[in-house]
Structures are given as structure tokens and as C-alpha cells.
Amino acid sequence: MVRIRLRRAGGKKHPSYRIVIADQRAARDGSFIEQVGTYDPFPDPPEIKLNEDKINKWIKNGAQPSASVTTLLQIKGIIPKAATNG
């Protein structure tokens, strides 16, 4: 299955992440198909850069975002926020 997930980059104790399309069996920092964005959690507010066209294309083709990427996509408004129970 193809996943949209984070790939760690950056230095020791200062991670930044690349948002990539990868096979779910590949290692976290292993091979990937395409890079579709970046995420830097250290600035306030965190810096999220996404290529919405590519992400929407991959989601339409069946790629599943990981839990952390789903949160980032909801923050940027690419996918709707889940309804809360209660």
C-alpha cells in the first residue's frame, strides 16, 4: 500500500521532515516515490509547505496519509477535520 508519511531530515536534536509518498514497507528514511512537501516543527507557528495538487492526485489514486500527515493536512485545510464525538 502506498502511504503519505513523514521522512526525517535535519540535524541532531533539530529534526525537520519531508512529506513523501512511499511504500508502507519501506524504512522511515528509506526509498520513496515522490516528495510532496516539508514540515519544520521548530518555528512558532510550525512551518508547513505542501504541494496540494500532488497530494490530491495521490489521495485520489489510493494513497493513505499517516496519522501525523493527516493532522498536517487538516491544519492546512486539504482534508476536512473529523467530526468529534460528543
PDB file of N, CA and C in Angstrom:
ATOM      1  N   MET A   1       0.836  -1.172   0.000  1.00  0.00           N
ATOM      2  CA  MET A   1       0.000   0.000   0.000  1.00  0.00           C
ATOM      3  C   MET A   1       0.888   1.245   0.000  1.00  0.00           C
ATOM      4  N   VAL A   2       0.462   2.246  -0.706  1.00  0.00           N
ATOM      5  CA  VAL A   2       1.219   3.496  -0.782  1.00  0.00           C
ATOM      6  C   VAL A   2       0.736   4.428   0.315  1.00  0.00           C
ATOM      7  N   ARG A   3       1.669   5.037   1.024  1.00  0.00           N
ATOM      8  CA  ARG A   3       1.349   5.924   2.134  1.00  0.00           C
ATOM      9  C   ARG A   3       1.937   7.309   1.900  1.00  0.00           C
ATOM     10  N   ILE A   4       1.284   8.308   2.461  1.00  0.00           N
ATOM     11  CA  ILE A   4       1.845   9.662   2.528  1.00  0.00           C
ATOM     12  C   ILE A   4       2.331   9.799   3.963  1.00  0.00           C
ATOM     13  N   ARG A   5       3.645   9.985   4.148  1.00  0.00           N
ATOM     14  CA  ARG A   5       4.179   9.991   5.507  1.00  0.00           C
ATOM     15  C   ARG A   5       5.369  10.922   5.636  1.00  0.00           C
ATOM     16  N   LEU A   6       5.857  11.049   6.874  1.00  0.00           N
ATOM     17  CA  LEU A   6       6.986  11.923   7.156  1.00  0.00           C
ATOM     18  C   LEU A   6       8.294  11.166   7.006  1.00  0.00           C
ATOM     19  N   ARG A   7       9.294  11.860   6.504  1.00  0.00           N
ATOM     20  CA  ARG A   7      10.653  11.330   6.378  1.00  0.00           C
ATOM     21  C   ARG A   7      11.561  12.295   7.118  1.00  0.00           C
ATOM     22  N   ARG A   8      12.290  11.818   8.106  1.00  0.00           N
ATOM     23  CA  ARG A   8      13.087  12.691   8.954  1.00  0.00           C
ATOM     24  C   ARG A   8      14.289  13.238   8.206  1.00  0.00           C
ATOM     25  N   ALA A   9      14.550  14.522   8.432  1.00  0.00           N
ATOM     26  CA  ALA A   9      15.729  15.190   7.889  1.00  0.00           C
ATOM     27  C   ALA A   9      16.222  16.132   8.981  1.00  0.00           C
ATOM     28  N   GLY A  10      17.224  16.915   8.696  1.00  0.00           N
ATOM     29  CA  GLY A  10      17.712  17.861   9.688  1.00  0.00           C
ATOM     30  C   GLY A  10      18.794  17.262  10.553  1.00  0.00           C
ATOM     31  N   GLY A  11      19.259  18.062  11.486  1.00  0.00           N
ATOM     32  CA  GLY A  11      20.388  17.660  12.303  1.00  0.00           C
ATOM     33  C   GLY A  11      19.991  17.007  13.606  1.00  0.00           C
ATOM     34  N   LYS A  12      20.997  16.672  14.375  1.00  0.00           N
ATOM     35  CA  LYS A  12      20.801  16.049  15.669  1.00  0.00           C
ATOM     36  C   LYS A  12      20.047  17.015  16.591  1.00  0.00           C
ATOM     37  N   LYS A  13      18.989  16.530  17.210  1.00  0.00           N
ATOM     38  CA  LYS A  13      18.140  17.289  18.128  1.00  0.00           C
ATOM     39  C   LYS A  13      17.438  18.480  17.476  1.00  0.00           C
ATOM     40  N   HIS A  14      17.432  18.541  16.159  1.00  0.00           N
ATOM     41  CA  HIS A  14      16.695  19.581  15.441  1.00  0.00           C
ATOM     42  C   HIS A  14      16.115  18.972  14.162  1.00  0.00           C
ATOM     43  N   PRO A  15      15.103  18.106  14.340  1.00  0.00           N
ATOM     44  CA  PRO A  15      14.562  17.443  13.159  1.00  0.00           C
ATOM     45  C   PRO A  15      13.697  18.376  12.322  1.00  0.00           C
ATOM     46  N   SER A  16      13.697  18.129  11.047  1.00  0.00           N
ATOM     47  CA  SER A  16      12.700  18.681  10.143  1.00  0.00           C
ATOM     48  C   SER A  16      12.258  17.483   9.312  1.00  0.00           C
ATOM     49  N   TYR A  17      11.148  17.605   8.659  1.00  0.00           N
ATOM     50  CA  TYR A  17      10.593  16.441   7.984  1.00  0.00           C
ATOM     51  C   TYR A  17      10.242  16.773   6.547  1.00  0.00           C
ATOM     52  N   ARG A  18      10.341  15.778   5.690  1.00  0.00           N
ATOM     53  CA  ARG A  18       9.870  15.868   4.316  1.00  0.00           C
ATOM     54  C   ARG A  18       8.612  15.011   4.245  1.00  0.00           C
ATOM     55  N   ILE A  19       7.595  15.509   3.593  1.00  0.00           N
ATOM     56  CA  ILE A  19       6.371  14.745   3.408  1.00  0.00           C
ATOM     57  C   ILE A  19       6.516  14.031   2.072  1.00  0.00           C
ATOM     58  N   VAL A  20       6.505  12.696   2.121  1.00  0.00           N
ATOM     59  CA  VAL A  20       6.802  11.901   0.935  1.00  0.00           C
ATOM     60  C   VAL A  20       5.722  10.859   0.682  1.00  0.00           C
ATOM     61  N   ILE A  21       5.693  10.394  -0.560  1.00  0.00           N
ATOM     62  CA  ILE A  21       4.868   9.261  -0.959  1.00  0.00           C
ATOM     63  C   ILE A  21       5.803   8.054  -0.962  1.00  0.00           C
ATOM     64  N   ALA A  22       5.459   7.007  -0.189  1.00  0.00           N
ATOM     65  CA  ALA A  22       6.339   5.843  -0.081  1.00  0.00           C
ATOM     66  C   ALA A  22       5.515   4.581   0.115  1.00  0.00           C
ATOM     67  N   ASP A  23       6.104   3.456  -0.258  1.00  0.00           N
ATOM     68  CA  ASP A  23       5.501   2.172   0.041  1.00  0.00           C
ATOM     69  C   ASP A  23       5.559   1.980   1.552  1.00  0.00           C
ATOM     70  N   GLN A  24       4.500   1.447   2.141  1.00  0.00           N
ATOM     71  CA  GLN A  24       4.476   1.338   3.595  1.00  0.00           C
ATOM     72  C   GLN A  24       5.516   0.362   4.134  1.00  0.00           C
ATOM     73  N   ARG A  25       6.041  -0.517   3.294  1.00  0.00           N
ATOM     74  CA  ARG A  25       7.051  -1.474   3.740  1.00  0.00           C
ATOM     75  C   ARG A  25       8.448  -0.879   3.754  1.00  0.00           C
ATOM     76  N   ALA A  26       8.637   0.292   3.139  1.00  0.00           N
ATOM     77  CA  ALA A  26       9.962   0.925   3.102  1.00  0.00           C
ATOM     78  C   ALA A  26      10.303   1.490   4.478  1.00  0.00           C
ATOM     79  N   ALA A  27      11.587   1.585   4.767  1.00  0.00           N
ATOM     80  CA  ALA A  27      12.048   2.142   6.037  1.00  0.00           C
ATOM     81  C   ALA A  27      11.673   3.612   6.133  1.00  0.00           C
ATOM     82  N   ARG A  28      11.628   4.145   7.366  1.00  0.00           N
ATOM     83  CA  ARG A  28      11.234   5.538   7.583  1.00  0.00           C
ATOM     84  C   ARG A  28      12.048   6.497   6.732  1.00  0.00           C
ATOM     85  N   ASP A  29      13.356   6.314   6.690  1.00  0.00           N
ATOM     86  CA  ASP A  29      14.224   7.180   5.906  1.00  0.00           C
ATOM     87  C   ASP A  29      14.721   6.479   4.648  1.00  0.00           C
ATOM     88  N   GLY A  30      13.999   5.459   4.223  1.00  0.00           N
ATOM     89  CA  GLY A  30      14.394   4.692   3.053  1.00  0.00           C
ATOM     90  C   GLY A  30      13.884   5.299   1.758  1.00  0.00           C
ATOM     91  N   SER A  31      13.705   4.442   0.781  1.00  0.00           N
ATOM     92  CA  SER A  31      13.309   4.904  -0.545  1.00  0.00           C
ATOM     93  C   SER A  31      11.889   5.471  -0.517  1.00  0.00           C
ATOM     94  N   PHE A  32      11.647   6.411  -1.409  1.00  0.00           N
ATOM     95  CA  PHE A  32      10.324   6.994  -1.539  1.00  0.00           C
ATOM     96  C   PHE A  32      10.048   7.267  -3.009  1.00  0.00           C
ATOM     97  N   ILE A  33       8.786   7.492  -3.341  1.00  0.00           N
ATOM     98  CA  ILE A  33       8.373   7.687  -4.727  1.00  0.00           C
ATOM     99  C   ILE A  33       8.493   9.153  -5.118  1.00  0.00           C
ATOM    100  N   GLU A  34       7.959  10.044  -4.259  1.00  0.00           N
ATOM    101  CA  GLU A  34       7.929  11.465  -4.591  1.00  0.00           C
ATOM    102  C   GLU A  34       7.840  12.290  -3.313  1.00  0.00           C
ATOM    103  N   GLN A  35       8.497  13.450  -3.310  1.00  0.00           N
ATOM    104  CA  GLN A  35       8.387  14.383  -2.192  1.00  0.00           C
ATOM    105  C   GLN A  35       7.289  15.392  -2.522  1.00  0.00           C
ATOM    106  N   VAL A  36       6.358  15.595  -1.580  1.00  0.00           N
ATOM    107  CA  VAL A  36       5.231  16.489  -1.841  1.00  0.00           C
ATOM    108  C   VAL A  36       5.151  17.661  -0.859  1.00  0.00           C
ATOM    109  N   GLY A  37       6.107  17.773   0.063  1.00  0.00           N
ATOM    110  CA  GLY A  37       6.081  18.900   0.986  1.00  0.00           C
ATOM    111  C   GLY A  37       7.137  18.782   2.059  1.00  0.00           C
ATOM    112  N   THR A  38       7.155  19.806   2.948  1.00  0.00           N
ATOM    113  CA  THR A  38       8.078  19.820   4.077  1.00  0.00           C
ATOM    114  C   THR A  38       7.343  20.274   5.331  1.00  0.00           C
ATOM    115  N   TYR A  39       7.901  19.907   6.490  1.00  0.00           N
ATOM    116  CA  TYR A  39       7.337  20.296   7.780  1.00  0.00           C
ATOM    117  C   TYR A  39       8.487  20.577   8.735  1.00  0.00           C
ATOM    118  N   ASP A  40       8.524  21.792   9.290  1.00  0.00           N
ATOM    119  CA  ASP A  40       9.531  22.182  10.277  1.00  0.00           C
ATOM    120  C   ASP A  40       8.800  22.547  11.563  1.00  0.00           C
ATOM    121  N   PRO A  41       8.895  21.713  12.610  1.00  0.00           N
ATOM    122  CA  PRO A  41       8.124  21.953  13.834  1.00  0.00           C
ATOM    123  C   PRO A  41       8.702  23.019  14.764  1.00  0.00           C
ATOM    124  N   PHE A  42       9.894  23.536  14.511  1.00  0.00           N
ATOM    125  CA  PHE A  42      10.534  24.424  15.471  1.00  0.00           C
ATOM    126  C   PHE A  42      10.102  25.885  15.433  1.00  0.00           C
ATOM    127  N   PRO A  43       9.847  26.501  14.289  1.00  0.00           N
ATOM    128  CA  PRO A  43       9.393  27.893  14.339  1.00  0.00           C
ATOM    129  C   PRO A  43       8.025  27.988  15.030  1.00  0.00           C
ATOM    130  N   ASP A  44       7.682  29.178  15.464  1.00  0.00           N
ATOM    131  CA  ASP A  44       6.369  29.377  16.060  1.00  0.00           C
ATOM    132  C   ASP A  44       5.590  30.356  15.216  1.00  0.00           C
ATOM    133  N   PRO A  45       4.588  29.968  14.469  1.00  0.00           N
ATOM    134  CA  PRO A  45       4.000  28.626  14.345  1.00  0.00           C
ATOM    135  C   PRO A  45       4.841  27.728  13.446  1.00  0.00           C
ATOM    136  N   PRO A  46       4.649  26.401  13.555  1.00  0.00           N
ATOM    137  CA  PRO A  46       5.409  25.478  12.704  1.00  0.00           C
ATOM    138  C   PRO A  46       5.193  25.772  11.219  1.00  0.00           C
ATOM    139  N   GLU A  47       6.242  25.542  10.446  1.00  0.00           N
ATOM    140  CA  GLU A  47       6.210  25.833   9.008  1.00  0.00           C
ATOM    141  C   GLU A  47       5.829  24.579   8.232  1.00  0.00           C
ATOM    142  N   ILE A  48       4.714  24.663   7.508  1.00  0.00           N
ATOM    143  CA  ILE A  48       4.225  23.541   6.711  1.00  0.00           C
ATOM    144  C   ILE A  48       4.112  24.007   5.265  1.00  0.00           C
ATOM    145  N   LYS A  49       4.853  23.362   4.359  1.00  0.00           N
ATOM    146  CA  LYS A  49       4.784  23.667   2.930  1.00  0.00           C
ATOM    147  C   LYS A  49       4.319  22.406   2.218  1.00  0.00           C
ATOM    148  N   LEU A  50       3.235  22.535   1.433  1.00  0.00           N
ATOM    149  CA  LEU A  50       2.665  21.384   0.752  1.00  0.00           C
ATOM    150  C   LEU A  50       2.391  21.697  -0.707  1.00  0.00           C
ATOM    151  N   ASN A  51       2.529  20.682  -1.555  1.00  0.00           N
ATOM    152  CA  ASN A  51       2.108  20.775  -2.949  1.00  0.00           C
ATOM    153  C   ASN A  51       0.728  20.119  -3.026  1.00  0.00           C
ATOM    154  N   GLU A  52      -0.329  20.945  -2.909  1.00  0.00           N
ATOM    155  CA  GLU A  52      -1.693  20.424  -2.807  1.00  0.00           C
ATOM    156  C   GLU A  52      -2.113  19.616  -4.024  1.00  0.00           C
ATOM    157  N   ASP A  53      -1.696  20.038  -5.219  1.00  0.00           N
ATOM    158  CA  ASP A  53      -2.079  19.311  -6.435  1.00  0.00           C
ATOM    159  C   ASP A  53      -1.565  17.874  -6.397  1.00  0.00           C
ATOM    160  N   LYS A  54      -0.297  17.704  -6.045  1.00  0.00           N
ATOM    161  CA  LYS A  54       0.285  16.359  -5.997  1.00  0.00           C
ATOM    162  C   LYS A  54      -0.363  15.515  -4.901  1.00  0.00           C
ATOM    163  N   ILE A  55      -0.618  16.121  -3.741  1.00  0.00           N
ATOM    164  CA  ILE A  55      -1.225  15.372  -2.637  1.00  0.00           C
ATOM    165  C   ILE A  55      -2.625  14.910  -3.028  1.00  0.00           C
ATOM    166  N   ASN A  56      -3.426  15.800  -3.598  1.00  0.00           N
ATOM    167  CA  ASN A  56      -4.778  15.420  -4.016  1.00  0.00           C
ATOM    168  C   ASN A  56      -4.746  14.329  -5.080  1.00  0.00           C
ATOM    169  N   LYS A  57      -3.770  14.404  -6.011  1.00  0.00           N
ATOM    170  CA  LYS A  57      -3.643  13.367  -7.043  1.00  0.00           C
ATOM    171  C   LYS A  57      -3.356  12.006  -6.410  1.00  0.00           C
ATOM    172  N   TRP A  58      -2.435  11.971  -5.453  1.00  0.00           N
ATOM    173  CA  TRP A  58      -2.081  10.708  -4.814  1.00  0.00           C
ATOM    174  C   TRP A  58      -3.226  10.162  -3.969  1.00  0.00           C
ATOM    175  N   ILE A  59      -3.962  11.036  -3.271  1.00  0.00           N
ATOM    176  CA  ILE A  59      -5.093  10.567  -2.470  1.00  0.00           C
ATOM    177  C   ILE A  59      -6.168   9.975  -3.383  1.00  0.00           C
ATOM    178  N   LYS A  60      -6.419  10.619  -4.532  1.00  0.00           N
ATOM    179  CA  LYS A  60      -7.394  10.085  -5.488  1.00  0.00           C
ATOM    180  C   LYS A  60      -6.949   8.736  -6.042  1.00  0.00           C
ATOM    181  N   ASN A  61      -5.636   8.517  -6.131  1.00  0.00           N
ATOM    182  CA  ASN A  61      -5.108   7.238  -6.633  1.00  0.00           C
ATOM    183  C   ASN A  61      -4.996   6.185  -5.534  1.00  0.00           C
ATOM    184  N   GLY A  62      -5.423   6.500  -4.306  1.00  0.00           N
ATOM    185  CA  GLY A  62      -5.473   5.486  -3.253  1.00  0.00           C
ATOM    186  C   GLY A  62      -4.411   5.574  -2.185  1.00  0.00           C
ATOM    187  N   ALA A  63      -3.569   6.590  -2.183  1.00  0.00           N
ATOM    188  CA  ALA A  63      -2.547   6.712  -1.140  1.00  0.00           C
ATOM    189  C   ALA A  63      -3.214   7.087   0.185  1.00  0.00           C
ATOM    190  N   GLN A  64      -2.776   6.459   1.269  1.00  0.00           N
ATOM    191  CA  GLN A  64      -3.341   6.708   2.592  1.00  0.00           C
ATOM    192  C   GLN A  64      -2.372   7.552   3.416  1.00  0.00           C
ATOM    193  N   PRO A  65      -2.800   8.716   3.936  1.00  0.00           N
ATOM    194  CA  PRO A  65      -1.907   9.502   4.786  1.00  0.00           C
ATOM    195  C   PRO A  65      -1.750   8.864   6.160  1.00  0.00           C
ATOM    196  N   SER A  66      -0.557   8.988   6.739  1.00  0.00           N
ATOM    197  CA  SER A  66      -0.329   8.506   8.098  1.00  0.00           C
ATOM    198  C   SER A  66      -1.072   9.421   9.071  1.00  0.00           C
ATOM    199  N   ALA A  67      -1.111   9.048  10.338  1.00  0.00           N
ATOM    200  CA  ALA A  67      -1.832   9.837  11.338  1.00  0.00           C
ATOM    201  C   ALA A  67      -1.250  11.239  11.463  1.00  0.00           C
ATOM    202  N   SER A  68       0.086  11.348  11.490  1.00  0.00           N
ATOM    203  CA  SER A  68       0.711  12.661  11.633  1.00  0.00           C
ATOM    204  C   SER A  68       0.506  13.525  10.394  1.00  0.00           C
ATOM    205  N   VAL A  69       0.549  12.927   9.215  1.00  0.00           N
ATOM    206  CA  VAL A  69       0.321  13.683   7.978  1.00  0.00           C
ATOM    207  C   VAL A  69      -1.148  14.084   7.874  1.00  0.00           C
ATOM    208  N   THR A  70      -2.064  13.241   8.333  1.00  0.00           N
ATOM    209  CA  THR A  70      -3.480  13.596   8.344  1.00  0.00           C
ATOM    210  C   THR A  70      -3.700  14.863   9.157  1.00  0.00           C
ATOM    211  N   THR A  71      -3.053  14.973  10.309  1.00  0.00           N
ATOM    212  CA  THR A  71      -3.163  16.167  11.142  1.00  0.00           C
ATOM    213  C   THR A  71      -2.650  17.396  10.402  1.00  0.00           C
ATOM    214  N   LEU A  72      -1.514  17.272   9.727  1.00  0.00           N
ATOM    215  CA  LEU A  72      -0.962  18.401   8.975  1.00  0.00           C
ATOM    216  C   LEU A  72      -1.896  18.807   7.829  1.00  0.00           C
ATOM    217  N   LEU A  73      -2.477  17.832   7.140  1.00  0.00           N
ATOM    218  CA  LEU A  73      -3.392  18.132   6.041  1.00  0.00           C
ATOM    219  C   LEU A  73      -4.661  18.809   6.553  1.00  0.00           C
ATOM    220  N   GLN A  74      -5.113  18.428   7.749  1.00  0.00           N
ATOM    221  CA  GLN A  74      -6.279  19.076   8.340  1.00  0.00           C
ATOM    222  C   GLN A  74      -5.959  20.515   8.741  1.00  0.00           C
ATOM    223  N   ILE A  75      -4.777  20.763   9.249  1.00  0.00           N
ATOM    224  CA  ILE A  75      -4.369  22.119   9.624  1.00  0.00           C
ATOM    225  C   ILE A  75      -4.362  23.021   8.402  1.00  0.00           C
ATOM    226  N   LYS A  76      -3.860  22.514   7.264  1.00  0.00           N
ATOM    227  CA  LYS A  76      -3.797  23.306   6.034  1.00  0.00           C
ATOM    228  C   LYS A  76      -5.112  23.324   5.266  1.00  0.00           C
ATOM    229  N   GLY A  77      -6.117  22.539   5.710  1.00  0.00           N
ATOM    230  CA  GLY A  77      -7.424  22.557   5.083  1.00  0.00           C
ATOM    231  C   GLY A  77      -7.536  21.731   3.815  1.00  0.00           C
ATOM    232  N   ILE A  78      -6.606  20.819   3.575  1.00  0.00           N
ATOM    233  CA  ILE A  78      -6.655  19.990   2.372  1.00  0.00           C
ATOM    234  C   ILE A  78      -7.691  18.878   2.536  1.00  0.00           C
ATOM    235  N   ILE A  79      -7.783  18.308   3.735  1.00  0.00           N
ATOM    236  CA  ILE A  79      -8.832  17.347   4.007  1.00  0.00           C
ATOM    237  C   ILE A  79      -9.642  17.877   5.191  1.00  0.00           C
ATOM    238  N   PRO A  80     -10.952  17.549   5.240  1.00  0.00           N
ATOM    239  CA  PRO A  80     -11.782  18.082   6.325  1.00  0.00           C
ATOM    240  C   PRO A  80     -11.430  17.453   7.659  1.00  0.00           C
ATOM    241  N   LYS A  81     -11.658  18.200   8.739  1.00  0.00           N
ATOM    242  CA  LYS A  81     -11.417  17.685  10.070  1.00  0.00           C
ATOM    243  C   LYS A  81     -12.496  16.671  10.405  1.00  0.00           C
ATOM    244  N   ALA A  82     -12.093  15.630  11.152  1.00  0.00           N
ATOM    245  CA  ALA A  82     -13.032  14.580  11.526  1.00  0.00           C
ATOM    246  C   ALA A  82     -14.035  15.127  12.538  1.00  0.00           C
ATOM    247  N   ALA A  83     -15.248  14.641  12.461  1.00  0.00           N
ATOM    248  CA  ALA A  83     -16.271  15.061  13.422  1.00  0.00           C
ATOM    249  C   ALA A  83     -15.902  14.535  14.807  1.00  0.00           C
ATOM    250  N   THR A  84     -16.074  15.371  15.811  1.00  0.00           N
ATOM    251  CA  THR A  84     -15.745  14.954  17.176  1.00  0.00           C
ATOM    252  C   THR A  84     -16.942  14.277  17.805  1.00  0.00           C
ATOM    253  N   ASN A  85     -16.689  13.289  18.615  1.00  0.00           N
ATOM    254  CA  ASN A  85     -17.767  12.590  19.305  1.00  0.00           C
ATOM    255  C   ASN A  85     -18.126  13.344  20.572  1.00  0.00           C
ATOM    256  N   GLY A  86     -19.394  13.651  20.736  1.00  0.00           N
ATOM    257  CA  GLY A  86     -19.800  14.273  21.982  1.00  0.00           C
ATOM    258  C   GLY A  86     -20.381  15.572  21.749  1.00  0.00           C
TER     259      GLY A  86
END
